[in-house]
Amino acid sequence: MIRKPSVSKLVKILDKPALVGWANKIGLEGINLKAYRTKAMADGSNIHAQIHAFISDKNPFDDMKTQNNFKKFMSNKKILGTEEDIETNLFVGRYDIKLGINGKTWMCDFKKSDGIYLDNTLQLVAYRMAEKTDCIAIIKTPEFTFHPINIKNYNPLLGYN
């Protein structure tokens, strides 16, 4: 039996030429790239765990400002799903959160990075293939700001018949 790849593994194979310049800049600043990446990944995992623990068990965040940001952000939203495994005939994955906002469903991903990149968009589009939602967005942490990603047509075969 062939094991399906995860969405994360699929987006990691993308060519990301901007990362070379970024890595060079970090290195020239005397920052160890491996240590920087390890810390960034640990920080991302930590905030995800705090969000999930707060949603499921009302466990407080490590930082009250972050908790207050999250509560304020969620004040007009309904959680439709969180940290759920998804699967299609092509891939598997695990999305961060699915929200109901003003009558629409949103597939969202928590990110700490400054920008919104192609791999972020592709990841959300893939999750949307498995869990039909109206829209996709990035939620920047720890501020919990909402960044919709506008996709005109989700059909990858449109125009390629």
N, C-alpha and C. Protein backbone atom coordinates (compact mmCIF):
# COMPACT_ATOMS: atom_id res chain seq x y z
N MET A 1 0.84 -1.18 0.00
CA MET A 1 0.00 0.00 0.00
C MET A 1 0.89 1.25 0.00
N ILE A 2 0.56 2.19 -0.85
CA ILE A 2 1.33 3.43 -0.95
C ILE A 2 0.82 4.40 0.11
N ARG A 3 1.76 4.95 0.87
CA ARG A 3 1.42 5.91 1.92
C ARG A 3 1.25 7.29 1.29
N LYS A 4 0.15 7.95 1.62
CA LYS A 4 -0.11 9.28 1.07
C LYS A 4 0.80 10.31 1.73
N PRO A 5 1.30 11.26 0.94
CA PRO A 5 2.14 12.31 1.53
C PRO A 5 1.27 13.31 2.31
N SER A 6 1.90 13.97 3.27
CA SER A 6 1.20 15.03 3.99
C SER A 6 1.29 16.32 3.17
N VAL A 7 0.35 17.21 3.41
CA VAL A 7 0.38 18.52 2.75
C VAL A 7 1.68 19.23 3.08
N SER A 8 2.12 19.14 4.32
CA SER A 8 3.38 19.80 4.72
C SER A 8 4.55 19.29 3.90
N LYS A 9 4.64 17.98 3.69
CA LYS A 9 5.74 17.43 2.88
C LYS A 9 5.65 17.90 1.44
N LEU A 10 4.43 17.99 0.92
CA LEU A 10 4.27 18.43 -0.47
C LEU A 10 4.72 19.88 -0.66
N VAL A 11 4.35 20.77 0.25
CA VAL A 11 4.74 22.18 0.06
C VAL A 11 6.22 22.40 0.33
N LYS A 12 6.86 21.49 1.08
CA LYS A 12 8.30 21.63 1.33
C LYS A 12 9.13 21.41 0.07
N ILE A 13 8.57 20.74 -0.94
CA ILE A 13 9.35 20.48 -2.16
C ILE A 13 9.35 21.67 -3.12
N LEU A 14 8.60 22.72 -2.79
CA LEU A 14 8.57 23.91 -3.64
C LEU A 14 9.93 24.60 -3.66
N ASP A 15 10.29 25.14 -4.80
CA ASP A 15 11.48 25.95 -4.90
C ASP A 15 11.20 27.29 -4.22
N LYS A 16 12.05 27.68 -3.31
CA LYS A 16 11.86 28.92 -2.56
C LYS A 16 13.14 29.76 -2.65
N PRO A 17 13.38 30.37 -3.80
CA PRO A 17 14.64 31.08 -4.00
C PRO A 17 14.86 32.24 -3.04
N ALA A 18 13.82 32.84 -2.54
CA ALA A 18 13.97 33.95 -1.60
C ALA A 18 14.62 33.50 -0.29
N LEU A 19 14.47 32.22 0.04
CA LEU A 19 15.06 31.72 1.28
C LEU A 19 16.58 31.76 1.25
N VAL A 20 17.18 31.65 0.09
CA VAL A 20 18.64 31.69 -0.01
C VAL A 20 19.14 33.07 0.44
N GLY A 21 18.51 34.12 -0.07
CA GLY A 21 18.88 35.47 0.34
C GLY A 21 18.63 35.71 1.82
N TRP A 22 17.50 35.22 2.31
CA TRP A 22 17.17 35.38 3.73
C TRP A 22 18.19 34.65 4.59
N ALA A 23 18.52 33.40 4.23
CA ALA A 23 19.49 32.62 5.00
C ALA A 23 20.86 33.30 4.99
N ASN A 24 21.23 33.86 3.85
CA ASN A 24 22.50 34.58 3.77
C ASN A 24 22.50 35.79 4.71
N LYS A 25 21.41 36.54 4.70
CA LYS A 25 21.28 37.72 5.57
C LYS A 25 21.40 37.32 7.04
N ILE A 26 20.70 36.26 7.42
CA ILE A 26 20.74 35.78 8.80
C ILE A 26 22.17 35.38 9.18
N GLY A 27 22.83 34.65 8.27
CA GLY A 27 24.20 34.23 8.53
C GLY A 27 25.15 35.41 8.67
N LEU A 28 24.99 36.41 7.82
CA LEU A 28 25.85 37.60 7.90
C LEU A 28 25.62 38.38 9.19
N GLU A 29 24.45 38.23 9.78
CA GLU A 29 24.18 38.87 11.08
C GLU A 29 24.73 38.05 12.24
N GLY A 30 25.37 36.91 11.92
CA GLY A 30 25.97 36.08 12.96
C GLY A 30 24.99 35.14 13.65
N ILE A 31 23.82 34.96 13.05
CA ILE A 31 22.81 34.09 13.64
C ILE A 31 22.94 32.69 13.05
N ASN A 32 22.96 31.70 13.92
CA ASN A 32 23.02 30.31 13.49
C ASN A 32 21.67 29.91 12.91
N LEU A 33 21.65 29.61 11.62
CA LEU A 33 20.40 29.31 10.92
C LEU A 33 19.66 28.10 11.51
N LYS A 34 20.40 27.06 11.83
CA LYS A 34 19.77 25.86 12.40
C LYS A 34 19.12 26.18 13.75
N ALA A 35 19.82 26.92 14.60
CA ALA A 35 19.28 27.29 15.91
C ALA A 35 18.06 28.20 15.75
N TYR A 36 18.13 29.13 14.80
CA TYR A 36 17.02 30.05 14.54
C TYR A 36 15.78 29.27 14.11
N ARG A 37 15.98 28.34 13.17
CA ARG A 37 14.86 27.53 12.67
C ARG A 37 14.28 26.64 13.77
N THR A 38 15.14 26.04 14.57
CA THR A 38 14.68 25.18 15.67
C THR A 38 13.83 25.98 16.65
N LYS A 39 14.29 27.18 16.99
CA LYS A 39 13.53 28.02 17.92
C LYS A 39 12.19 28.45 17.31
N ALA A 40 12.22 28.84 16.03
CA ALA A 40 10.99 29.27 15.36
C ALA A 40 9.96 28.13 15.32
N MET A 41 10.42 26.93 15.04
CA MET A 41 9.51 25.78 15.00
C MET A 41 8.97 25.48 16.39
N ALA A 42 9.82 25.57 17.41
CA ALA A 42 9.36 25.34 18.79
C ALA A 42 8.34 26.40 19.21
N ASP A 43 8.61 27.67 18.85
CA ASP A 43 7.66 28.74 19.17
C ASP A 43 6.31 28.50 18.49
N GLY A 44 6.34 28.08 17.22
CA GLY A 44 5.11 27.79 16.49
C GLY A 44 4.33 26.64 17.13
N SER A 45 5.03 25.58 17.48
CA SER A 45 4.37 24.44 18.13
C SER A 45 3.79 24.84 19.48
N ASN A 46 4.52 25.68 20.20
CA ASN A 46 4.08 26.12 21.51
C ASN A 46 2.78 26.94 21.43
N ILE A 47 2.72 27.89 20.50
CA ILE A 47 1.50 28.71 20.40
C ILE A 47 0.32 27.86 19.93
N HIS A 48 0.56 26.90 19.04
CA HIS A 48 -0.51 25.99 18.61
C HIS A 48 -1.03 25.19 19.81
N ALA A 49 -0.12 24.69 20.62
CA ALA A 49 -0.51 23.91 21.79
C ALA A 49 -1.31 24.76 22.78
N GLN A 50 -0.88 26.00 22.97
CA GLN A 50 -1.60 26.89 23.89
C GLN A 50 -3.00 27.21 23.38
N ILE A 51 -3.13 27.45 22.08
CA ILE A 51 -4.44 27.73 21.50
C ILE A 51 -5.36 26.53 21.69
N HIS A 52 -4.85 25.35 21.36
CA HIS A 52 -5.66 24.14 21.47
C HIS A 52 -6.06 23.87 22.93
N ALA A 53 -5.11 24.03 23.85
CA ALA A 53 -5.40 23.80 25.27
C ALA A 53 -6.43 24.81 25.79
N PHE A 54 -6.36 26.04 25.31
CA PHE A 54 -7.32 27.06 25.74
C PHE A 54 -8.72 26.74 25.20
N ILE A 55 -8.78 26.35 23.94
CA ILE A 55 -10.07 26.03 23.32
C ILE A 55 -10.70 24.80 23.97
N SER A 56 -9.90 23.74 24.13
CA SER A 56 -10.47 22.48 24.60
C SER A 56 -10.66 22.41 26.11
N ASP A 57 -9.73 22.98 26.88
CA ASP A 57 -9.79 22.82 28.34
C ASP A 57 -9.80 24.13 29.12
N LYS A 58 -9.84 25.26 28.40
CA LYS A 58 -9.79 26.59 29.04
C LYS A 58 -8.50 26.81 29.83
N ASN A 59 -7.42 26.08 29.47
CA ASN A 59 -6.12 26.31 30.10
C ASN A 59 -5.61 27.67 29.66
N PRO A 60 -5.09 28.46 30.59
CA PRO A 60 -4.63 29.80 30.21
C PRO A 60 -3.38 29.75 29.34
N PHE A 61 -3.21 30.79 28.53
CA PHE A 61 -2.00 30.97 27.74
C PHE A 61 -0.85 31.30 28.70
N ASP A 62 0.38 31.13 28.24
CA ASP A 62 1.55 31.49 29.04
C ASP A 62 1.59 33.00 29.29
N ASP A 63 1.09 33.76 28.33
CA ASP A 63 1.14 35.22 28.38
C ASP A 63 -0.29 35.76 28.32
N MET A 64 -0.67 36.56 29.30
CA MET A 64 -2.05 37.08 29.35
C MET A 64 -2.37 38.00 28.18
N LYS A 65 -1.39 38.74 27.67
CA LYS A 65 -1.65 39.60 26.52
C LYS A 65 -2.04 38.76 25.31
N THR A 66 -1.32 37.65 25.10
CA THR A 66 -1.65 36.75 23.99
C THR A 66 -3.04 36.16 24.18
N GLN A 67 -3.35 35.77 25.40
CA GLN A 67 -4.68 35.22 25.69
C GLN A 67 -5.77 36.25 25.42
N ASN A 68 -5.55 37.47 25.87
CA ASN A 68 -6.54 38.53 25.63
C ASN A 68 -6.69 38.81 24.13
N ASN A 69 -5.57 38.79 23.39
CA ASN A 69 -5.64 38.96 21.93
C ASN A 69 -6.50 37.86 21.31
N PHE A 70 -6.30 36.62 21.77
CA PHE A 70 -7.06 35.50 21.23
C PHE A 70 -8.55 35.64 21.57
N LYS A 71 -8.86 35.96 22.80
CA LYS A 71 -10.26 36.11 23.20
C LYS A 71 -10.95 37.23 22.42
N LYS A 72 -10.26 38.33 22.24
CA LYS A 72 -10.82 39.44 21.47
C LYS A 72 -11.03 39.02 20.02
N PHE A 73 -10.05 38.33 19.44
CA PHE A 73 -10.14 37.86 18.07
C PHE A 73 -11.34 36.93 17.90
N MET A 74 -11.55 36.04 18.83
CA MET A 74 -12.60 35.02 18.72
C MET A 74 -13.99 35.54 19.10
N SER A 75 -14.10 36.76 19.57
CA SER A 75 -15.36 37.27 20.11
C SER A 75 -16.52 37.24 19.12
N ASN A 76 -16.25 37.34 17.83
CA ASN A 76 -17.34 37.34 16.84
C ASN A 76 -17.22 36.17 15.86
N LYS A 77 -16.56 35.09 16.31
CA LYS A 77 -16.34 33.93 15.45
C LYS A 77 -16.80 32.65 16.15
N LYS A 78 -17.18 31.67 15.33
CA LYS A 78 -17.58 30.37 15.87
C LYS A 78 -16.56 29.33 15.42
N ILE A 79 -16.06 28.53 16.36
CA ILE A 79 -15.12 27.46 16.02
C ILE A 79 -15.91 26.28 15.48
N LEU A 80 -15.61 25.89 14.26
CA LEU A 80 -16.27 24.75 13.62
C LEU A 80 -15.41 23.50 13.67
N GLY A 81 -14.14 23.66 13.92
CA GLY A 81 -13.21 22.54 14.05
C GLY A 81 -11.83 23.06 14.36
N THR A 82 -11.05 22.26 15.05
CA THR A 82 -9.68 22.65 15.37
C THR A 82 -8.79 21.42 15.45
N GLU A 83 -7.58 21.56 14.89
CA GLU A 83 -6.58 20.49 14.95
C GLU A 83 -7.16 19.15 14.51
N GLU A 84 -7.83 19.14 13.36
CA GLU A 84 -8.45 17.91 12.87
C GLU A 84 -7.68 17.35 11.68
N ASP A 85 -7.56 16.01 11.67
CA ASP A 85 -6.92 15.33 10.55
C ASP A 85 -7.85 15.34 9.35
N ILE A 86 -7.27 15.53 8.18
CA ILE A 86 -8.03 15.49 6.93
C ILE A 86 -7.35 14.50 5.99
N GLU A 87 -8.13 14.04 5.00
CA GLU A 87 -7.56 13.11 4.02
C GLU A 87 -8.35 13.20 2.73
N THR A 88 -7.62 13.16 1.62
CA THR A 88 -8.22 13.03 0.30
C THR A 88 -7.61 11.78 -0.34
N ASN A 89 -7.97 11.52 -1.57
CA ASN A 89 -7.34 10.38 -2.25
C ASN A 89 -5.89 10.68 -2.63
N LEU A 90 -5.44 11.95 -2.45
CA LEU A 90 -4.08 12.35 -2.84
C LEU A 90 -3.14 12.62 -1.67
N PHE A 91 -3.68 13.08 -0.54
CA PHE A 91 -2.82 13.51 0.57
C PHE A 91 -3.56 13.45 1.90
N VAL A 92 -2.78 13.61 2.96
CA VAL A 92 -3.31 13.73 4.32
C VAL A 92 -2.81 15.04 4.90
N GLY A 93 -3.40 15.46 5.99
CA GLY A 93 -2.95 16.68 6.65
C GLY A 93 -3.69 16.91 7.95
N ARG A 94 -3.40 18.02 8.56
CA ARG A 94 -4.05 18.40 9.83
C ARG A 94 -4.17 19.92 9.81
N TYR A 95 -5.41 20.40 9.81
CA TYR A 95 -5.58 21.85 9.76
C TYR A 95 -5.61 22.44 11.16
N ASP A 96 -5.35 23.75 11.24
CA ASP A 96 -5.31 24.44 12.52
C ASP A 96 -6.70 24.75 13.06
N ILE A 97 -7.49 25.47 12.27
CA ILE A 97 -8.81 25.87 12.77
C ILE A 97 -9.74 26.17 11.60
N LYS A 98 -11.00 25.80 11.78
CA LYS A 98 -12.06 26.14 10.81
C LYS A 98 -13.05 27.01 11.58
N LEU A 99 -13.35 28.17 11.01
CA LEU A 99 -14.19 29.16 11.69
C LEU A 99 -15.44 29.49 10.90
N GLY A 100 -16.48 29.87 11.62
CA GLY A 100 -17.67 30.46 11.03
C GLY A 100 -17.63 31.95 11.32
N ILE A 101 -17.69 32.74 10.25
CA ILE A 101 -17.64 34.20 10.40
C ILE A 101 -18.67 34.80 9.46
N ASN A 102 -19.66 35.47 10.02
CA ASN A 102 -20.69 36.15 9.22
C ASN A 102 -21.31 35.25 8.15
N GLY A 103 -21.64 34.04 8.53
CA GLY A 103 -22.32 33.13 7.61
C GLY A 103 -21.43 32.40 6.63
N LYS A 104 -20.12 32.60 6.69
CA LYS A 104 -19.18 31.90 5.81
C LYS A 104 -18.26 31.01 6.64
N THR A 105 -17.80 29.92 6.01
CA THR A 105 -16.83 29.07 6.69
C THR A 105 -15.43 29.40 6.17
N TRP A 106 -14.48 29.42 7.09
CA TRP A 106 -13.11 29.80 6.79
C TRP A 106 -12.15 28.71 7.26
N MET A 107 -11.26 28.27 6.37
CA MET A 107 -10.15 27.40 6.73
C MET A 107 -8.98 28.32 7.04
N CYS A 108 -8.46 28.22 8.26
CA CYS A 108 -7.42 29.16 8.69
C CYS A 108 -6.20 28.43 9.24
N ASP A 109 -5.07 29.10 9.11
CA ASP A 109 -3.81 28.57 9.60
C ASP A 109 -3.14 29.64 10.47
N PHE A 110 -2.64 29.23 11.62
CA PHE A 110 -1.92 30.15 12.49
C PHE A 110 -0.47 30.24 12.03
N LYS A 111 0.03 31.46 11.85
CA LYS A 111 1.41 31.69 11.43
C LYS A 111 2.01 32.84 12.21
N LYS A 112 3.27 32.71 12.54
CA LYS A 112 3.97 33.78 13.23
C LYS A 112 4.79 34.64 12.27
N SER A 113 5.10 34.12 11.09
CA SER A 113 5.98 34.83 10.16
C SER A 113 5.36 36.14 9.70
N ASP A 114 6.23 37.03 9.23
CA ASP A 114 5.79 38.36 8.82
C ASP A 114 4.95 38.35 7.55
N GLY A 115 5.30 37.51 6.60
CA GLY A 115 4.62 37.52 5.31
C GLY A 115 3.63 36.38 5.16
N ILE A 116 2.93 36.41 4.04
CA ILE A 116 2.09 35.30 3.62
C ILE A 116 2.70 34.80 2.33
N TYR A 117 3.11 33.54 2.32
CA TYR A 117 3.88 33.00 1.23
C TYR A 117 3.08 31.99 0.43
N LEU A 118 3.58 31.65 -0.75
CA LEU A 118 2.92 30.71 -1.64
C LEU A 118 2.63 29.39 -0.93
N ASP A 119 3.59 28.88 -0.15
CA ASP A 119 3.36 27.60 0.51
C ASP A 119 2.23 27.69 1.53
N ASN A 120 2.07 28.85 2.19
CA ASN A 120 0.94 29.04 3.11
C ASN A 120 -0.38 28.92 2.37
N THR A 121 -0.45 29.58 1.22
CA THR A 121 -1.67 29.57 0.40
C THR A 121 -1.96 28.17 -0.12
N LEU A 122 -0.95 27.49 -0.65
CA LEU A 122 -1.15 26.14 -1.18
C LEU A 122 -1.59 25.17 -0.09
N GLN A 123 -1.03 25.32 1.09
CA GLN A 123 -1.42 24.47 2.22
C GLN A 123 -2.91 24.64 2.53
N LEU A 124 -3.37 25.87 2.60
CA LEU A 124 -4.78 26.12 2.91
C LEU A 124 -5.70 25.67 1.77
N VAL A 125 -5.28 25.86 0.53
CA VAL A 125 -6.08 25.41 -0.60
C VAL A 125 -6.21 23.88 -0.55
N ALA A 126 -5.13 23.20 -0.21
CA ALA A 126 -5.18 21.74 -0.10
C ALA A 126 -6.13 21.31 1.02
N TYR A 127 -6.04 21.96 2.17
CA TYR A 127 -6.94 21.61 3.27
C TYR A 127 -8.40 21.86 2.87
N ARG A 128 -8.61 22.92 2.11
CA ARG A 128 -9.95 23.24 1.65
C ARG A 128 -10.49 22.17 0.69
N MET A 129 -9.60 21.50 -0.02
CA MET A 129 -10.03 20.41 -0.89
C MET A 129 -10.66 19.28 -0.08
N ALA A 130 -10.13 19.04 1.11
CA ALA A 130 -10.62 17.96 1.96
C ALA A 130 -11.79 18.40 2.83
N GLU A 131 -11.77 19.62 3.29
CA GLU A 131 -12.81 20.18 4.17
C GLU A 131 -13.38 21.40 3.46
N LYS A 132 -14.46 21.21 2.76
CA LYS A 132 -15.01 22.32 1.96
C LYS A 132 -15.35 23.51 2.86
N THR A 133 -14.74 24.64 2.53
CA THR A 133 -15.04 25.90 3.20
C THR A 133 -15.21 26.97 2.13
N ASP A 134 -15.77 28.10 2.54
CA ASP A 134 -15.98 29.19 1.59
C ASP A 134 -14.70 29.96 1.29
N CYS A 135 -13.86 30.14 2.31
CA CYS A 135 -12.72 31.04 2.20
C CYS A 135 -11.53 30.48 2.99
N ILE A 136 -10.36 31.07 2.74
CA ILE A 136 -9.16 30.71 3.49
C ILE A 136 -8.50 31.98 4.03
N ALA A 137 -7.76 31.82 5.13
CA ALA A 137 -7.08 32.96 5.74
C ALA A 137 -5.94 32.51 6.63
N ILE A 138 -5.00 33.42 6.81
CA ILE A 138 -3.91 33.25 7.78
C ILE A 138 -4.27 34.08 9.00
N ILE A 139 -4.03 33.53 10.18
CA ILE A 139 -4.19 34.25 11.43
C ILE A 139 -2.80 34.42 12.01
N LYS A 140 -2.33 35.67 12.07
CA LYS A 140 -0.99 35.96 12.58
C LYS A 140 -1.01 35.95 14.11
N THR A 141 -0.04 35.22 14.67
CA THR A 141 0.09 35.16 16.12
C THR A 141 1.37 35.90 16.52
N PRO A 142 1.46 36.40 17.72
CA PRO A 142 0.53 36.30 18.84
C PRO A 142 -0.52 37.42 18.89
N GLU A 143 -0.54 38.26 17.84
CA GLU A 143 -1.49 39.37 17.83
C GLU A 143 -2.91 38.91 17.49
N PHE A 144 -3.02 37.80 16.76
CA PHE A 144 -4.28 37.26 16.26
C PHE A 144 -4.97 38.27 15.35
N THR A 145 -4.25 38.59 14.28
CA THR A 145 -4.81 39.42 13.22
C THR A 145 -5.20 38.51 12.06
N PHE A 146 -6.27 38.87 11.39
CA PHE A 146 -6.90 38.05 10.36
C PHE A 146 -6.49 38.54 8.99
N HIS A 147 -5.98 37.63 8.14
CA HIS A 147 -5.49 37.99 6.81
C HIS A 147 -6.12 37.07 5.76
N PRO A 148 -7.26 37.48 5.20
CA PRO A 148 -7.90 36.66 4.17
C PRO A 148 -6.99 36.50 2.95
N ILE A 149 -7.07 35.35 2.31
CA ILE A 149 -6.35 35.11 1.06
C ILE A 149 -7.41 34.97 -0.02
N ASN A 150 -7.38 35.87 -0.97
CA ASN A 150 -8.41 35.89 -2.01
C ASN A 150 -8.01 35.00 -3.18
N ILE A 151 -8.78 33.97 -3.39
CA ILE A 151 -8.60 33.05 -4.50
C ILE A 151 -9.83 33.19 -5.40
N LYS A 152 -9.62 33.53 -6.66
CA LYS A 152 -10.76 33.73 -7.56
C LYS A 152 -11.44 32.43 -7.94
N ASN A 153 -10.64 31.38 -8.15
CA ASN A 153 -11.22 30.11 -8.55
C ASN A 153 -10.33 29.00 -8.00
N TYR A 154 -10.92 28.11 -7.20
CA TYR A 154 -10.16 27.04 -6.58
C TYR A 154 -9.97 25.83 -7.48
N ASN A 155 -10.58 25.82 -8.66
CA ASN A 155 -10.49 24.68 -9.56
C ASN A 155 -9.16 24.73 -10.32
N PRO A 156 -8.21 23.82 -10.01
CA PRO A 156 -6.92 23.89 -10.67
C PRO A 156 -6.96 23.50 -12.15
N LEU A 157 -8.04 22.89 -12.60
CA LEU A 157 -8.12 22.45 -14.00
C LEU A 157 -8.88 23.43 -14.89
N LEU A 158 -9.38 24.51 -14.34
CA LEU A 158 -10.13 25.47 -15.12
C LEU A 158 -9.25 26.02 -16.25
N GLY A 159 -9.73 25.86 -17.46
CA GLY A 159 -8.98 26.36 -18.61
C GLY A 159 -7.94 25.40 -19.14
N TYR A 160 -7.79 24.23 -18.52
CA TYR A 160 -6.79 23.26 -18.96
C TYR A 160 -7.45 21.97 -19.44
N ASN A 161 -8.60 22.08 -20.09
CA ASN A 161 -9.33 20.87 -20.55
C ASN A 161 -8.68 20.26 -21.75
